[in-house]
N, C-alpha and C. Protein backbone atom coordinates (compact mmCIF):
# COMPACT_ATOMS: atom_id res chain seq x y z
N UNK A 1 -14.50 0.14 41.13
CA UNK A 1 -13.89 -0.57 40.02
C UNK A 1 -14.03 -2.07 40.23
N UNK A 2 -14.53 -2.74 39.27
CA UNK A 2 -14.70 -4.19 39.36
C UNK A 2 -13.35 -4.87 39.27
N UNK A 3 -13.30 -6.13 39.75
CA UNK A 3 -12.07 -6.90 39.63
C UNK A 3 -11.74 -7.12 38.16
N UNK A 4 -10.45 -7.32 37.89
CA UNK A 4 -10.01 -7.56 36.52
C UNK A 4 -10.73 -8.77 35.92
N UNK A 5 -11.06 -8.64 34.66
CA UNK A 5 -11.56 -9.81 33.96
C UNK A 5 -10.40 -10.77 33.72
N UNK A 6 -10.68 -12.03 33.63
CA UNK A 6 -9.65 -13.04 33.39
C UNK A 6 -9.06 -12.85 32.00
N UNK A 7 -7.74 -12.72 31.93
CA UNK A 7 -7.08 -12.50 30.64
C UNK A 7 -6.34 -13.75 30.16
N UNK A 8 -6.55 -14.87 30.82
CA UNK A 8 -5.80 -16.06 30.44
C UNK A 8 -6.17 -16.56 29.05
N UNK A 9 -7.35 -16.21 28.56
CA UNK A 9 -7.78 -16.63 27.23
C UNK A 9 -7.38 -15.65 26.13
N UNK A 10 -6.75 -14.55 26.54
CA UNK A 10 -6.27 -13.57 25.56
C UNK A 10 -5.00 -14.10 24.90
N UNK A 11 -4.99 -14.16 23.59
CA UNK A 11 -3.79 -14.58 22.88
C UNK A 11 -2.74 -13.48 23.01
N UNK A 12 -1.63 -13.81 23.62
CA UNK A 12 -0.62 -12.78 23.89
C UNK A 12 -0.06 -12.19 22.60
N UNK A 13 0.20 -10.91 22.67
CA UNK A 13 0.73 -10.20 21.50
C UNK A 13 2.19 -10.56 21.31
N UNK A 14 2.51 -11.06 20.11
CA UNK A 14 3.88 -11.50 19.83
C UNK A 14 4.55 -10.71 18.72
N UNK A 15 3.89 -9.62 18.31
CA UNK A 15 4.45 -8.80 17.24
C UNK A 15 3.84 -9.09 15.88
N UNK A 16 3.04 -10.16 15.79
CA UNK A 16 2.45 -10.57 14.52
C UNK A 16 0.92 -10.47 14.50
N UNK A 17 0.31 -10.45 15.66
CA UNK A 17 -1.16 -10.54 15.75
C UNK A 17 -1.76 -9.29 16.37
N UNK A 18 -1.28 -8.14 15.96
CA UNK A 18 -1.66 -6.89 16.62
C UNK A 18 -3.16 -6.61 16.56
N UNK A 19 -3.76 -6.73 15.37
CA UNK A 19 -5.17 -6.37 15.23
C UNK A 19 -6.07 -7.26 16.09
N UNK A 20 -5.79 -8.56 16.12
CA UNK A 20 -6.59 -9.48 16.94
C UNK A 20 -6.41 -9.17 18.42
N UNK A 21 -5.16 -8.97 18.82
CA UNK A 21 -4.86 -8.65 20.22
C UNK A 21 -5.49 -7.32 20.63
N UNK A 22 -5.40 -6.34 19.77
CA UNK A 22 -5.98 -5.02 20.04
C UNK A 22 -7.48 -5.11 20.26
N UNK A 23 -8.15 -5.92 19.44
CA UNK A 23 -9.59 -6.10 19.58
C UNK A 23 -9.94 -6.70 20.95
N UNK A 24 -9.19 -7.73 21.36
CA UNK A 24 -9.44 -8.36 22.65
C UNK A 24 -9.19 -7.39 23.80
N UNK A 25 -8.10 -6.64 23.71
CA UNK A 25 -7.72 -5.72 24.78
C UNK A 25 -8.72 -4.57 24.90
N UNK A 26 -9.20 -4.08 23.77
CA UNK A 26 -10.17 -2.98 23.84
C UNK A 26 -11.43 -3.43 24.58
N UNK A 27 -11.87 -4.66 24.31
CA UNK A 27 -13.04 -5.19 25.01
C UNK A 27 -12.79 -5.28 26.50
N UNK A 28 -11.60 -5.68 26.89
CA UNK A 28 -11.25 -5.79 28.31
C UNK A 28 -11.20 -4.40 28.96
N UNK A 29 -10.65 -3.43 28.26
CA UNK A 29 -10.59 -2.07 28.80
C UNK A 29 -11.99 -1.49 29.01
N UNK A 30 -12.88 -1.76 28.05
CA UNK A 30 -14.26 -1.28 28.17
C UNK A 30 -14.93 -1.94 29.38
N UNK A 31 -14.75 -3.25 29.51
CA UNK A 31 -15.37 -3.99 30.62
C UNK A 31 -14.84 -3.53 31.97
N UNK A 32 -13.59 -3.08 32.01
CA UNK A 32 -12.99 -2.62 33.26
C UNK A 32 -13.04 -1.11 33.44
N UNK A 33 -13.77 -0.43 32.54
CA UNK A 33 -13.91 1.02 32.62
C UNK A 33 -12.55 1.72 32.57
N UNK A 34 -11.69 1.23 31.70
CA UNK A 34 -10.34 1.77 31.60
C UNK A 34 -10.03 2.36 30.22
N UNK A 35 -10.98 2.31 29.29
CA UNK A 35 -10.69 2.72 27.92
C UNK A 35 -10.26 4.18 27.84
N UNK A 36 -10.91 5.05 28.62
CA UNK A 36 -10.55 6.47 28.57
C UNK A 36 -9.14 6.71 29.10
N UNK A 37 -8.70 5.86 30.00
CA UNK A 37 -7.33 5.95 30.51
C UNK A 37 -6.35 5.55 29.41
N UNK A 38 -6.67 4.45 28.75
CA UNK A 38 -5.76 3.89 27.74
C UNK A 38 -5.68 4.76 26.49
N UNK A 39 -6.79 5.28 26.04
CA UNK A 39 -6.74 6.10 24.81
C UNK A 39 -6.37 7.55 25.07
N UNK A 40 -6.15 7.90 26.35
CA UNK A 40 -5.66 9.23 26.69
C UNK A 40 -6.73 10.28 26.86
N UNK A 41 -8.01 9.87 26.79
CA UNK A 41 -9.10 10.84 26.98
C UNK A 41 -9.10 11.38 28.41
N UNK A 42 -8.89 10.49 29.36
CA UNK A 42 -8.78 10.90 30.76
C UNK A 42 -7.31 11.02 31.11
N UNK A 43 -6.87 12.23 31.34
CA UNK A 43 -5.45 12.48 31.62
C UNK A 43 -5.22 12.62 33.13
N UNK A 44 -3.98 12.52 33.52
CA UNK A 44 -3.62 12.62 34.92
C UNK A 44 -3.89 14.03 35.45
N UNK A 45 -4.69 14.16 36.52
CA UNK A 45 -4.94 15.50 37.11
C UNK A 45 -3.63 16.12 37.58
N UNK A 46 -3.50 17.42 37.39
CA UNK A 46 -2.25 18.10 37.75
C UNK A 46 -2.10 18.25 39.26
N UNK A 47 -3.20 18.41 39.97
CA UNK A 47 -3.12 18.62 41.42
C UNK A 47 -3.33 17.30 42.15
N UNK A 48 -2.64 17.18 43.28
CA UNK A 48 -2.79 15.97 44.08
C UNK A 48 -4.16 15.94 44.73
N UNK A 49 -4.61 14.76 45.04
CA UNK A 49 -5.92 14.61 45.67
C UNK A 49 -6.54 13.29 45.26
N UNK A 50 -7.82 13.16 45.56
CA UNK A 50 -8.51 11.89 45.30
C UNK A 50 -8.56 11.56 43.82
N UNK A 51 -8.79 12.57 42.98
CA UNK A 51 -8.88 12.32 41.54
C UNK A 51 -7.56 11.82 40.97
N UNK A 52 -6.47 12.43 41.42
CA UNK A 52 -5.17 11.98 40.93
C UNK A 52 -4.86 10.56 41.42
N UNK A 53 -5.22 10.29 42.67
CA UNK A 53 -4.99 8.95 43.23
C UNK A 53 -5.78 7.90 42.44
N UNK A 54 -7.02 8.24 42.11
CA UNK A 54 -7.85 7.31 41.32
C UNK A 54 -7.25 7.08 39.95
N UNK A 55 -6.78 8.16 39.33
CA UNK A 55 -6.17 8.04 38.00
C UNK A 55 -4.94 7.15 38.06
N UNK A 56 -4.10 7.35 39.07
CA UNK A 56 -2.88 6.56 39.21
C UNK A 56 -3.20 5.07 39.37
N UNK A 57 -4.24 4.78 40.13
CA UNK A 57 -4.63 3.39 40.35
C UNK A 57 -5.15 2.76 39.06
N UNK A 58 -6.00 3.50 38.37
CA UNK A 58 -6.57 2.97 37.11
C UNK A 58 -5.49 2.83 36.04
N UNK A 59 -4.59 3.80 35.98
CA UNK A 59 -3.49 3.74 35.01
C UNK A 59 -2.61 2.52 35.28
N UNK A 60 -2.33 2.27 36.57
CA UNK A 60 -1.50 1.12 36.95
C UNK A 60 -2.19 -0.19 36.52
N UNK A 61 -3.51 -0.28 36.71
CA UNK A 61 -4.24 -1.48 36.33
C UNK A 61 -4.18 -1.67 34.81
N UNK A 62 -4.33 -0.58 34.08
CA UNK A 62 -4.29 -0.67 32.61
C UNK A 62 -2.90 -1.10 32.14
N UNK A 63 -1.86 -0.58 32.79
CA UNK A 63 -0.49 -0.95 32.42
C UNK A 63 -0.23 -2.43 32.70
N UNK A 64 -0.79 -2.92 33.82
CA UNK A 64 -0.64 -4.34 34.15
C UNK A 64 -1.36 -5.21 33.10
N UNK A 65 -2.57 -4.80 32.72
CA UNK A 65 -3.31 -5.54 31.71
C UNK A 65 -2.53 -5.60 30.40
N UNK A 66 -1.97 -4.48 30.01
CA UNK A 66 -1.21 -4.44 28.76
C UNK A 66 0.03 -5.32 28.83
N UNK A 67 0.83 -5.11 29.84
CA UNK A 67 2.12 -5.82 29.92
C UNK A 67 1.95 -7.32 30.15
N UNK A 68 0.87 -7.71 30.83
CA UNK A 68 0.67 -9.13 31.13
C UNK A 68 0.09 -9.91 29.96
N UNK A 69 -0.35 -9.22 28.93
CA UNK A 69 -0.92 -9.90 27.76
C UNK A 69 -0.02 -9.76 26.54
N UNK A 70 1.27 -9.52 26.79
CA UNK A 70 2.25 -9.38 25.72
C UNK A 70 3.42 -10.31 25.97
N UNK A 71 4.00 -10.78 24.90
CA UNK A 71 5.23 -11.55 25.04
C UNK A 71 6.35 -10.62 25.50
N UNK A 72 7.28 -11.18 26.24
CA UNK A 72 8.37 -10.38 26.80
C UNK A 72 9.13 -9.62 25.71
N UNK A 73 9.26 -10.22 24.54
CA UNK A 73 10.01 -9.58 23.46
C UNK A 73 9.43 -8.24 23.04
N UNK A 74 8.13 -8.03 23.29
CA UNK A 74 7.48 -6.79 22.88
C UNK A 74 7.58 -5.69 23.93
N UNK A 75 7.94 -6.07 25.15
CA UNK A 75 8.00 -5.08 26.23
C UNK A 75 9.17 -4.11 26.06
N UNK A 76 10.15 -4.50 25.27
CA UNK A 76 11.33 -3.64 25.10
C UNK A 76 10.96 -2.27 24.52
N UNK A 77 9.86 -2.22 23.77
CA UNK A 77 9.44 -0.95 23.18
C UNK A 77 8.77 -0.03 24.19
N UNK A 78 8.39 -0.57 25.35
CA UNK A 78 7.53 0.16 26.28
C UNK A 78 8.20 0.52 27.60
N UNK A 79 9.46 0.17 27.74
CA UNK A 79 10.14 0.38 29.02
C UNK A 79 10.13 1.84 29.45
N UNK A 80 10.24 2.75 28.51
CA UNK A 80 10.30 4.18 28.85
C UNK A 80 8.92 4.81 29.03
N UNK A 81 7.84 4.04 28.84
CA UNK A 81 6.49 4.59 28.95
C UNK A 81 6.06 4.72 30.41
N UNK A 82 5.45 5.85 30.74
CA UNK A 82 5.00 6.11 32.11
C UNK A 82 3.50 5.93 32.29
N UNK A 83 2.79 5.66 31.22
CA UNK A 83 1.34 5.53 31.33
C UNK A 83 0.84 4.50 30.33
N UNK A 84 -0.38 4.02 30.59
CA UNK A 84 -1.01 3.07 29.67
C UNK A 84 -1.27 3.73 28.31
N UNK A 85 -1.60 5.02 28.35
CA UNK A 85 -1.86 5.74 27.10
C UNK A 85 -0.60 5.80 26.23
N UNK A 86 0.56 6.01 26.87
CA UNK A 86 1.81 6.02 26.13
C UNK A 86 2.10 4.65 25.53
N UNK A 87 1.86 3.61 26.32
CA UNK A 87 2.08 2.24 25.84
C UNK A 87 1.20 1.94 24.63
N UNK A 88 -0.07 2.27 24.75
CA UNK A 88 -1.04 2.01 23.69
C UNK A 88 -0.68 2.77 22.42
N UNK A 89 -0.32 4.06 22.59
CA UNK A 89 0.03 4.90 21.44
C UNK A 89 1.31 4.40 20.78
N UNK A 90 2.27 3.96 21.58
CA UNK A 90 3.54 3.48 21.03
C UNK A 90 3.32 2.20 20.21
N UNK A 91 2.55 1.30 20.75
CA UNK A 91 2.26 0.06 20.04
C UNK A 91 1.51 0.33 18.74
N UNK A 92 0.54 1.24 18.80
CA UNK A 92 -0.23 1.58 17.60
C UNK A 92 0.67 2.20 16.54
N UNK A 93 1.58 3.10 16.98
CA UNK A 93 2.47 3.76 16.04
C UNK A 93 3.37 2.76 15.34
N UNK A 94 3.83 1.74 16.08
CA UNK A 94 4.73 0.74 15.51
C UNK A 94 3.99 -0.23 14.62
N UNK A 95 2.90 -0.80 15.13
CA UNK A 95 2.28 -1.93 14.45
C UNK A 95 1.14 -1.55 13.50
N UNK A 96 0.48 -0.43 13.73
CA UNK A 96 -0.50 0.04 12.74
C UNK A 96 0.25 0.45 11.47
N UNK A 97 1.39 1.11 11.64
CA UNK A 97 2.21 1.51 10.50
C UNK A 97 2.73 0.29 9.78
N UNK A 98 3.14 -0.72 10.56
CA UNK A 98 3.64 -1.95 9.96
C UNK A 98 2.57 -2.62 9.10
N UNK A 99 1.34 -2.65 9.61
CA UNK A 99 0.24 -3.26 8.86
C UNK A 99 -0.03 -2.47 7.58
N UNK A 100 0.03 -1.14 7.69
CA UNK A 100 -0.18 -0.29 6.52
C UNK A 100 0.91 -0.53 5.49
N UNK A 101 2.14 -0.65 5.97
CA UNK A 101 3.27 -0.89 5.06
C UNK A 101 3.10 -2.19 4.31
N UNK A 102 2.66 -3.23 5.01
CA UNK A 102 2.47 -4.53 4.37
C UNK A 102 1.42 -4.45 3.27
N UNK A 103 0.32 -3.73 3.55
CA UNK A 103 -0.73 -3.57 2.54
C UNK A 103 -0.23 -2.81 1.33
N UNK A 104 0.53 -1.74 1.60
CA UNK A 104 1.06 -0.93 0.50
C UNK A 104 2.08 -1.72 -0.32
N UNK A 105 2.93 -2.49 0.37
CA UNK A 105 3.91 -3.31 -0.33
C UNK A 105 3.22 -4.35 -1.21
N UNK A 106 2.16 -4.96 -0.67
CA UNK A 106 1.43 -5.96 -1.45
C UNK A 106 0.83 -5.33 -2.70
N UNK A 107 0.23 -4.16 -2.53
CA UNK A 107 -0.37 -3.46 -3.67
C UNK A 107 0.71 -3.08 -4.70
N UNK A 108 1.87 -2.64 -4.18
CA UNK A 108 2.97 -2.23 -5.05
C UNK A 108 3.49 -3.41 -5.87
N UNK A 109 3.71 -4.54 -5.22
CA UNK A 109 4.31 -5.69 -5.90
C UNK A 109 3.32 -6.41 -6.82
N UNK A 110 2.03 -6.32 -6.52
CA UNK A 110 1.04 -7.01 -7.35
C UNK A 110 0.55 -6.15 -8.52
N UNK A 111 0.91 -4.89 -8.52
CA UNK A 111 0.42 -3.98 -9.55
C UNK A 111 1.01 -4.30 -10.92
N UNK A 112 0.18 -4.18 -11.96
CA UNK A 112 0.65 -4.26 -13.34
C UNK A 112 -0.12 -3.22 -14.14
N UNK A 113 0.45 -2.82 -15.24
CA UNK A 113 -0.16 -1.78 -16.07
C UNK A 113 -1.55 -2.20 -16.53
N UNK A 114 -2.52 -1.33 -16.34
CA UNK A 114 -3.91 -1.64 -16.68
C UNK A 114 -4.18 -1.39 -18.17
N UNK A 115 -4.95 -2.26 -18.79
CA UNK A 115 -5.33 -2.02 -20.20
C UNK A 115 -6.03 -0.66 -20.32
N UNK A 116 -5.63 0.09 -21.29
CA UNK A 116 -6.24 1.41 -21.48
C UNK A 116 -5.45 2.53 -20.85
N UNK A 117 -4.54 2.21 -19.92
CA UNK A 117 -3.71 3.25 -19.32
C UNK A 117 -2.60 3.66 -20.29
N UNK A 118 -2.28 4.93 -20.28
CA UNK A 118 -1.14 5.39 -21.06
C UNK A 118 0.13 5.15 -20.24
N UNK A 119 1.27 5.28 -20.89
CA UNK A 119 2.55 5.13 -20.18
C UNK A 119 2.66 6.18 -19.07
N UNK A 120 2.24 7.39 -19.34
CA UNK A 120 2.30 8.45 -18.33
C UNK A 120 1.46 8.08 -17.11
N UNK A 121 0.27 7.55 -17.34
CA UNK A 121 -0.59 7.13 -16.24
C UNK A 121 0.03 5.98 -15.46
N UNK A 122 0.61 5.04 -16.19
CA UNK A 122 1.25 3.87 -15.57
C UNK A 122 2.39 4.31 -14.66
N UNK A 123 3.26 5.15 -15.15
CA UNK A 123 4.40 5.62 -14.36
C UNK A 123 3.93 6.42 -13.16
N UNK A 124 2.91 7.26 -13.35
CA UNK A 124 2.38 8.06 -12.25
C UNK A 124 1.84 7.18 -11.13
N UNK A 125 1.16 6.09 -11.48
CA UNK A 125 0.62 5.18 -10.48
C UNK A 125 1.73 4.52 -9.67
N UNK A 126 2.78 4.07 -10.36
CA UNK A 126 3.90 3.44 -9.65
C UNK A 126 4.58 4.45 -8.73
N UNK A 127 4.79 5.65 -9.22
CA UNK A 127 5.45 6.68 -8.41
C UNK A 127 4.58 7.07 -7.21
N UNK A 128 3.27 7.12 -7.39
CA UNK A 128 2.38 7.45 -6.27
C UNK A 128 2.41 6.36 -5.20
N UNK A 129 2.45 5.09 -5.61
CA UNK A 129 2.54 4.00 -4.64
C UNK A 129 3.87 4.06 -3.88
N UNK A 130 4.94 4.38 -4.59
CA UNK A 130 6.25 4.52 -3.95
C UNK A 130 6.24 5.67 -2.96
N UNK A 131 5.54 6.76 -3.32
CA UNK A 131 5.45 7.93 -2.42
C UNK A 131 4.69 7.57 -1.15
N UNK A 132 3.64 6.77 -1.28
CA UNK A 132 2.87 6.34 -0.11
C UNK A 132 3.72 5.47 0.81
N UNK A 133 4.54 4.61 0.24
CA UNK A 133 5.43 3.77 1.04
C UNK A 133 6.46 4.61 1.77
N UNK A 134 7.00 5.61 1.08
CA UNK A 134 7.98 6.50 1.72
C UNK A 134 7.35 7.27 2.87
N UNK A 135 6.06 7.60 2.72
CA UNK A 135 5.36 8.36 3.76
C UNK A 135 5.21 7.59 5.07
N UNK A 136 5.25 6.25 4.98
CA UNK A 136 5.15 5.44 6.20
C UNK A 136 6.52 4.90 6.62
N UNK A 137 7.57 5.52 6.07
CA UNK A 137 8.91 5.21 6.53
C UNK A 137 9.65 4.13 5.76
N UNK A 138 9.09 3.66 4.65
CA UNK A 138 9.75 2.62 3.87
C UNK A 138 10.67 3.26 2.83
N UNK A 139 11.86 2.70 2.69
CA UNK A 139 12.83 3.21 1.73
C UNK A 139 12.58 2.55 0.37
N UNK A 140 12.21 3.35 -0.60
CA UNK A 140 11.99 2.86 -1.96
C UNK A 140 12.94 3.62 -2.88
N UNK A 141 13.92 2.92 -3.42
CA UNK A 141 14.92 3.57 -4.26
C UNK A 141 14.40 3.79 -5.67
N UNK A 142 15.08 4.67 -6.41
CA UNK A 142 14.72 4.90 -7.81
C UNK A 142 14.89 3.62 -8.63
N UNK A 143 15.88 2.80 -8.26
CA UNK A 143 16.10 1.53 -8.97
C UNK A 143 14.88 0.62 -8.81
N UNK A 144 14.33 0.58 -7.58
CA UNK A 144 13.15 -0.24 -7.32
C UNK A 144 11.95 0.28 -8.10
N UNK A 145 11.80 1.59 -8.14
CA UNK A 145 10.69 2.20 -8.88
C UNK A 145 10.80 1.88 -10.36
N UNK A 146 12.01 2.02 -10.92
CA UNK A 146 12.20 1.74 -12.35
C UNK A 146 11.97 0.26 -12.64
N UNK A 147 12.43 -0.60 -11.74
CA UNK A 147 12.23 -2.04 -11.94
C UNK A 147 10.75 -2.38 -11.93
N UNK A 148 9.98 -1.70 -11.07
CA UNK A 148 8.54 -1.95 -11.02
C UNK A 148 7.86 -1.45 -12.28
N UNK A 149 8.26 -0.28 -12.75
CA UNK A 149 7.67 0.28 -13.97
C UNK A 149 7.90 -0.68 -15.14
N UNK A 150 9.13 -1.16 -15.26
CA UNK A 150 9.48 -2.05 -16.37
C UNK A 150 8.85 -3.43 -16.22
N UNK A 151 8.86 -3.94 -14.99
CA UNK A 151 8.37 -5.29 -14.76
C UNK A 151 6.88 -5.45 -14.86
N UNK A 152 6.16 -4.35 -14.87
CA UNK A 152 4.70 -4.42 -14.93
C UNK A 152 4.14 -3.93 -16.26
N UNK A 153 5.00 -3.86 -17.27
CA UNK A 153 4.58 -3.46 -18.61
C UNK A 153 4.01 -4.66 -19.38
N UNK A 154 3.17 -4.41 -20.39
CA UNK A 154 2.69 -5.49 -21.27
C UNK A 154 3.85 -6.09 -22.06
N UNK A 155 3.66 -7.28 -22.58
CA UNK A 155 4.74 -7.99 -23.27
C UNK A 155 5.23 -7.26 -24.52
N UNK A 156 4.40 -6.40 -25.09
CA UNK A 156 4.82 -5.72 -26.31
C UNK A 156 6.00 -4.77 -26.06
N UNK A 157 6.29 -4.48 -24.78
CA UNK A 157 7.42 -3.62 -24.44
C UNK A 157 8.68 -4.43 -24.13
N UNK A 158 8.66 -5.74 -24.36
CA UNK A 158 9.80 -6.59 -24.00
C UNK A 158 11.09 -6.15 -24.69
N UNK A 159 10.99 -5.77 -25.94
CA UNK A 159 12.19 -5.34 -26.68
C UNK A 159 12.78 -4.08 -26.04
N UNK A 160 11.89 -3.17 -25.62
CA UNK A 160 12.37 -1.95 -24.96
C UNK A 160 13.05 -2.29 -23.64
N UNK A 161 12.45 -3.20 -22.87
CA UNK A 161 13.02 -3.59 -21.57
C UNK A 161 14.41 -4.18 -21.76
N UNK A 162 14.57 -5.03 -22.78
CA UNK A 162 15.88 -5.63 -23.05
C UNK A 162 16.91 -4.56 -23.40
N UNK A 163 16.51 -3.61 -24.22
CA UNK A 163 17.41 -2.52 -24.61
C UNK A 163 17.76 -1.66 -23.41
N UNK A 164 16.78 -1.40 -22.56
CA UNK A 164 17.02 -0.57 -21.37
C UNK A 164 18.02 -1.25 -20.43
N UNK A 165 17.87 -2.53 -20.24
CA UNK A 165 18.76 -3.26 -19.33
C UNK A 165 20.20 -3.30 -19.84
N UNK A 166 20.36 -3.06 -21.14
CA UNK A 166 21.70 -3.06 -21.73
C UNK A 166 22.31 -1.66 -21.76
N UNK A 167 21.54 -0.65 -21.37
CA UNK A 167 22.02 0.73 -21.41
C UNK A 167 23.02 1.00 -20.29
N UNK A 168 23.80 2.06 -20.45
CA UNK A 168 24.75 2.47 -19.42
C UNK A 168 24.01 2.80 -18.12
N UNK A 169 24.55 2.35 -17.01
CA UNK A 169 23.90 2.58 -15.71
C UNK A 169 23.66 4.06 -15.45
N UNK A 170 24.63 4.89 -15.85
CA UNK A 170 24.51 6.33 -15.62
C UNK A 170 23.31 6.93 -16.35
N UNK A 171 22.89 6.28 -17.42
CA UNK A 171 21.75 6.78 -18.21
C UNK A 171 20.42 6.22 -17.75
N UNK A 172 20.46 5.29 -16.81
CA UNK A 172 19.23 4.66 -16.34
C UNK A 172 18.62 5.49 -15.20
N UNK A 173 17.92 6.53 -15.59
CA UNK A 173 17.23 7.40 -14.64
C UNK A 173 15.73 7.35 -14.91
N UNK A 174 14.94 7.75 -13.93
CA UNK A 174 13.48 7.76 -14.11
C UNK A 174 13.08 8.69 -15.25
N UNK A 175 13.78 9.83 -15.34
CA UNK A 175 13.47 10.78 -16.41
C UNK A 175 13.71 10.14 -17.78
N UNK A 176 14.89 9.52 -17.95
CA UNK A 176 15.19 8.89 -19.23
C UNK A 176 14.26 7.72 -19.53
N UNK A 177 13.91 6.98 -18.48
CA UNK A 177 12.98 5.86 -18.67
C UNK A 177 11.62 6.36 -19.13
N UNK A 178 11.15 7.42 -18.51
CA UNK A 178 9.85 8.00 -18.87
C UNK A 178 9.86 8.47 -20.32
N UNK A 179 10.90 9.21 -20.69
CA UNK A 179 11.00 9.71 -22.06
C UNK A 179 11.08 8.57 -23.07
N UNK A 180 11.87 7.54 -22.74
CA UNK A 180 12.02 6.41 -23.65
C UNK A 180 10.72 5.64 -23.84
N UNK A 181 9.99 5.43 -22.74
CA UNK A 181 8.73 4.69 -22.84
C UNK A 181 7.66 5.48 -23.57
N UNK A 182 7.62 6.78 -23.36
CA UNK A 182 6.65 7.61 -24.08
C UNK A 182 6.94 7.58 -25.59
N UNK A 183 8.22 7.62 -25.94
CA UNK A 183 8.61 7.53 -27.36
C UNK A 183 8.20 6.19 -27.94
N UNK A 184 8.44 5.11 -27.16
CA UNK A 184 8.06 3.77 -27.60
C UNK A 184 6.55 3.66 -27.78
N UNK A 185 5.81 4.24 -26.84
CA UNK A 185 4.35 4.22 -26.92
C UNK A 185 3.86 4.97 -28.16
N UNK A 186 4.49 6.11 -28.45
CA UNK A 186 4.11 6.90 -29.62
C UNK A 186 4.32 6.10 -30.90
N UNK A 187 5.41 5.34 -30.95
CA UNK A 187 5.67 4.51 -32.13
C UNK A 187 4.64 3.39 -32.26
N UNK A 188 4.28 2.80 -31.13
CA UNK A 188 3.24 1.76 -31.14
C UNK A 188 1.93 2.33 -31.68
N UNK A 189 1.56 3.52 -31.18
CA UNK A 189 0.30 4.14 -31.60
C UNK A 189 0.32 4.43 -33.09
N UNK A 190 1.47 4.94 -33.58
CA UNK A 190 1.59 5.26 -35.00
C UNK A 190 1.47 3.99 -35.85
N UNK A 191 2.13 2.92 -35.40
CA UNK A 191 2.08 1.65 -36.13
C UNK A 191 0.68 1.07 -36.13
N UNK A 192 0.03 1.13 -34.97
CA UNK A 192 -1.32 0.59 -34.86
C UNK A 192 -2.31 1.40 -35.69
N UNK A 193 -2.10 2.72 -35.74
CA UNK A 193 -2.98 3.58 -36.54
C UNK A 193 -2.81 3.28 -38.02
N UNK A 194 -1.54 3.14 -38.45
CA UNK A 194 -1.27 2.82 -39.85
C UNK A 194 -1.87 1.48 -40.23
N UNK A 195 -1.72 0.51 -39.33
CA UNK A 195 -2.26 -0.83 -39.58
C UNK A 195 -3.79 -0.80 -39.67
N UNK A 196 -4.39 0.01 -38.76
CA UNK A 196 -5.85 0.11 -38.76
C UNK A 196 -6.35 0.76 -40.05
N UNK A 197 -5.65 1.80 -40.51
CA UNK A 197 -6.04 2.47 -41.75
C UNK A 197 -5.89 1.53 -42.94
N UNK A 198 -4.80 0.75 -42.91
CA UNK A 198 -4.57 -0.20 -44.00
C UNK A 198 -5.68 -1.25 -44.03
N UNK A 199 -6.10 -1.68 -42.85
CA UNK A 199 -7.18 -2.67 -42.76
C UNK A 199 -8.48 -2.09 -43.31
N UNK A 200 -8.77 -0.84 -42.95
CA UNK A 200 -9.98 -0.18 -43.43
C UNK A 200 -9.94 -0.02 -44.95
N UNK A 201 -8.78 0.43 -45.47
CA UNK A 201 -8.64 0.63 -46.92
C UNK A 201 -8.80 -0.68 -47.67
N UNK A 202 -8.21 -1.76 -47.10
CA UNK A 202 -8.32 -3.06 -47.75
C UNK A 202 -9.77 -3.54 -47.76
N UNK A 203 -10.45 -3.31 -46.65
CA UNK A 203 -11.86 -3.71 -46.57
C UNK A 203 -12.70 -2.94 -47.58
N UNK A 204 -12.45 -1.64 -47.67
CA UNK A 204 -13.20 -0.81 -48.62
C UNK A 204 -12.91 -1.24 -50.06
N UNK A 205 -11.64 -1.57 -50.31
CA UNK A 205 -11.25 -2.01 -51.65
C UNK A 205 -11.96 -3.30 -52.03
N UNK A 206 -12.00 -4.26 -51.10
CA UNK A 206 -12.67 -5.54 -51.35
C UNK A 206 -14.17 -5.34 -51.57
N UNK A 207 -14.76 -4.43 -50.75
CA UNK A 207 -16.18 -4.17 -50.90
C UNK A 207 -16.47 -3.52 -52.26
N UNK A 208 -15.53 -2.65 -52.72
CA UNK A 208 -15.70 -2.01 -54.02
C UNK A 208 -15.63 -3.01 -55.16
N UNK A 209 -14.66 -3.95 -55.06
CA UNK A 209 -14.54 -4.98 -56.08
C UNK A 209 -15.77 -5.87 -56.13
N UNK A 210 -16.25 -6.22 -54.93
CA UNK A 210 -17.43 -7.08 -54.85
C UNK A 210 -18.64 -6.40 -55.47
N UNK A 211 -18.76 -5.10 -55.21
CA UNK A 211 -19.88 -4.34 -55.76
C UNK A 211 -19.81 -4.29 -57.28
N UNK A 212 -18.62 -4.09 -57.82
CA UNK A 212 -18.43 -4.04 -59.27
C UNK A 212 -18.77 -5.38 -59.90
N UNK A 213 -18.34 -6.45 -59.21
CA UNK A 213 -18.64 -7.79 -59.73
C UNK A 213 -20.13 -8.05 -59.76
N UNK A 214 -20.82 -7.60 -58.70
CA UNK A 214 -22.26 -7.79 -58.64
C UNK A 214 -22.95 -6.99 -59.73
N UNK A 215 -22.47 -5.78 -59.98
CA UNK A 215 -23.06 -4.94 -61.02
C UNK A 215 -22.80 -5.53 -62.42
N UNK A 216 -21.60 -6.14 -62.56
CA UNK A 216 -21.24 -6.74 -63.84
C UNK A 216 -22.04 -7.99 -64.15
N UNK A 217 -22.48 -8.68 -63.11
CA UNK A 217 -23.25 -9.91 -63.30
C UNK A 217 -24.74 -9.64 -63.54
N UNK A 218 -25.15 -8.37 -63.38
CA UNK A 218 -26.56 -8.05 -63.54
C UNK A 218 -27.00 -8.04 -64.99
N UNK A 219 -28.32 -7.80 -65.25
CA UNK A 219 -28.85 -7.77 -66.65
C UNK A 219 -28.31 -6.59 -67.42
N UNK A 220 -28.08 -6.79 -68.69
CA UNK A 220 -27.55 -5.72 -69.53
C UNK A 220 -28.65 -4.74 -69.92
């Protein structure tokens, strides 16, 4: 086993820079032939002997590398760990999930109803994002989900949003919100269809008048 590579240039992990720190540490583990120890591929031999002694030595070196490149505040999560693999897995479980949560939260908060989506599609997308957040341990209440559904609607739903906010709290459920928005959407579609038909009829009427005028101006 070669001597440890110098880790003084490694930016210590402070709870905020996990991906950068992980990249540096993986390179160090590879250079020191310790990656299989850290990722758990090489496990501790059950019987005593030279192989177990070698594993214990390599595991100890990996644990030293990990603990010496972290801020003290982060070591509290690792006190009960008996191996470098446990330390690595624990950190990944905490901070990979945290990174995923941040990405999901960003997507959730930046989302708005897409042009062309129906109300049912819009609500389904918000609920699916909330389900993904819950899957990584984030608490997303029905109130938050409803607020997101309402807050990401087009401006034409403003009157509905105002009416909803004035409704009795006991009646403000996702089911009632869904039914109310679908009804509102249906009314919009009916109004837009009527308006479109009226526009077509008016255009046809004008074209008919123009045609009659042209025919009337022709030779007798």
